[in-house]
Protein backbone atom coordinates (compact mmCIF):
# COMPACT_ATOMS: atom_id res chain seq x y z
CA GLY A 1 -20.66 10.03 71.30
CA GLY A 2 -21.86 7.22 69.11
CA GLY A 3 -24.73 5.01 68.28
CA PHE A 4 -26.16 2.46 65.95
CA GLY A 5 -29.17 2.08 63.74
CA LYS A 6 -30.76 0.42 60.76
CA SER A 7 -31.54 2.29 57.53
CA LEU A 8 -33.43 1.06 54.50
CA ARG A 9 -33.83 2.65 51.09
CA ASN A 10 -37.56 2.21 50.41
CA SER A 11 -39.29 1.58 47.05
CA SER A 12 -39.66 5.36 46.55
CA GLY A 13 -35.87 5.84 46.81
CA ASN A 14 -36.05 7.51 50.23
CA ASP A 15 -34.35 6.51 53.50
CA GLU A 16 -36.10 5.25 56.62
CA SER A 17 -34.03 4.72 59.76
CA LEU A 18 -34.33 3.52 63.36
CA TYR A 19 -31.51 4.61 65.67
CA VAL A 20 -30.13 4.97 69.19
CA ILE A 21 -27.38 7.49 69.99
CA VAL A 22 -25.58 8.61 73.14
CA ILE A 23 -23.47 11.78 73.29
CA ARG A 24 -21.82 13.81 76.03
CA ASP A 25 -23.75 17.02 76.56
CA SER A 26 -22.33 20.44 77.45
CA LEU A 27 -22.51 19.49 81.15
CA TYR A 28 -20.33 16.41 80.44
CA LYS A 29 -23.25 14.07 81.17
CA PRO A 30 -24.74 11.43 78.87
CA GLN A 31 -27.55 12.56 76.60
CA TRP A 32 -29.36 9.79 74.73
CA ALA A 33 -31.96 9.63 72.00
CA ALA A 34 -33.83 6.87 70.20
CA GLY A 35 -36.03 7.45 67.19
CA TYR A 36 -37.24 7.08 63.63
CA SER A 37 -36.12 9.21 60.69
CA TYR A 38 -37.57 9.66 57.19
CA GLU A 39 -35.50 11.44 54.53
CA TRP A 40 -36.44 12.29 50.97
CA ILE A 41 -33.31 11.62 48.92
CA PHE A 42 -32.25 13.68 45.89
CA PRO A 43 -29.34 12.38 43.73
CA LEU A 44 -26.88 15.01 42.47
CA GLY A 45 -26.55 14.05 38.81
CA GLY A 46 -24.52 10.90 38.14
CA SER A 47 -21.89 11.74 40.76
CA GLY A 48 -23.02 9.22 43.38
CA MET A 49 -23.57 12.15 45.75
CA GLU A 50 -26.99 12.87 47.15
CA VAL A 51 -28.73 15.28 49.50
CA GLY A 52 -31.59 14.50 51.80
CA ALA A 53 -34.20 16.41 53.75
CA GLY A 54 -36.72 15.03 56.19
CA VAL A 55 -37.89 14.68 59.74
CA THR A 56 -37.08 12.62 62.82
CA ALA A 57 -39.39 11.67 65.67
CA LEU A 58 -37.50 10.72 68.81
CA ILE A 59 -37.48 10.29 72.55
CA MET A 60 -34.54 12.01 74.20
CA ARG A 61 -33.19 12.52 77.70
CA ARG A 62 -30.94 15.28 78.90
CA SER A 63 -30.13 15.87 82.56
CA ASP A 64 -30.90 19.61 82.50
CA TRP A 65 -34.09 19.49 80.37
CA ALA A 66 -37.50 18.36 81.66
CA ASN A 67 -35.93 17.52 85.04
CA GLY A 68 -34.09 14.61 83.40
CA VAL A 69 -37.32 12.91 82.30
CA PRO A 70 -37.25 11.53 78.72
CA PHE A 71 -39.44 13.58 76.36
CA PRO A 72 -40.57 13.34 72.72
CA ALA A 73 -39.35 15.66 69.98
CA LEU A 74 -39.97 16.16 66.27
CA LEU A 75 -36.97 17.71 64.48
CA PRO A 76 -35.87 18.49 60.92
CA VAL A 77 -33.09 16.43 59.32
CA ALA A 78 -30.79 17.22 56.38
CA SER A 79 -27.89 15.26 54.89
CA ILE A 80 -25.24 15.25 52.17
CA GLY A 81 -22.95 12.45 51.04
CA THR A 82 -23.14 9.07 49.36
CA ARG A 83 -25.32 6.10 50.13
CA LYS A 84 -22.48 4.61 52.25
CA ALA A 85 -21.13 7.75 54.01
CA ARG A 86 -22.96 10.97 54.77
CA LEU A 87 -23.03 13.95 57.07
CA GLU A 88 -26.42 14.38 58.72
CA ALA A 89 -27.63 17.38 60.67
CA THR A 90 -30.59 18.30 62.83
CA PHE A 91 -31.56 21.52 64.57
CA VAL A 92 -32.80 21.63 68.17
CA PRO A 93 -34.69 24.91 68.67
CA ARG A 94 -34.72 26.84 71.91
CA LEU A 95 -37.04 24.97 74.27
CA SER A 96 -36.94 27.45 77.12
CA THR A 97 -36.34 31.10 77.84
CA SER A 98 -33.16 30.11 79.75
CA LYS A 99 -29.85 30.80 78.05
CA GLY A 100 -28.15 27.71 76.66
CA LYS A 101 -31.34 25.66 76.30
CA GLY A 102 -31.52 25.16 72.56
CA ASN A 103 -30.63 26.59 69.16
CA ILE A 104 -28.23 23.67 68.69
CA ILE A 105 -27.12 22.12 65.43
CA LEU A 106 -26.22 18.47 65.91
CA LEU A 107 -23.93 16.95 63.24
CA VAL A 108 -23.60 13.19 62.86
CA GLY A 109 -21.35 11.17 60.57
CA LYS A 110 -23.30 8.17 59.27
CA PHE A 111 -21.48 5.18 57.79
CA THR A 112 -23.27 2.20 56.24
CA PHE A 113 -21.68 -1.25 56.30
CA GLY A 114 -22.78 -4.19 54.24
């Protein structure tokens, strides 16, 4: 999958982002999401590395959830890397009693240009 977005480091030193992503789900169908993310950023000494923790509010659509109707979600976000390249993760909890409907960790490589 892939996507694009816009991130800004705010006056408090934290990241705010707007994004749209599309991935192929486990049924080989497109799954899309669009949302806003806020991450509190914590530098790791003078190394240039930093970790982040926050939350994302999004609208997502998956063919086998909610009968394919887009639905809102609020999920945790964590990251590690530099200001220009980082690995971000979110956790999608089980949304149903059906097997295979949640408990997913989604990893995203984020690269900043400019």
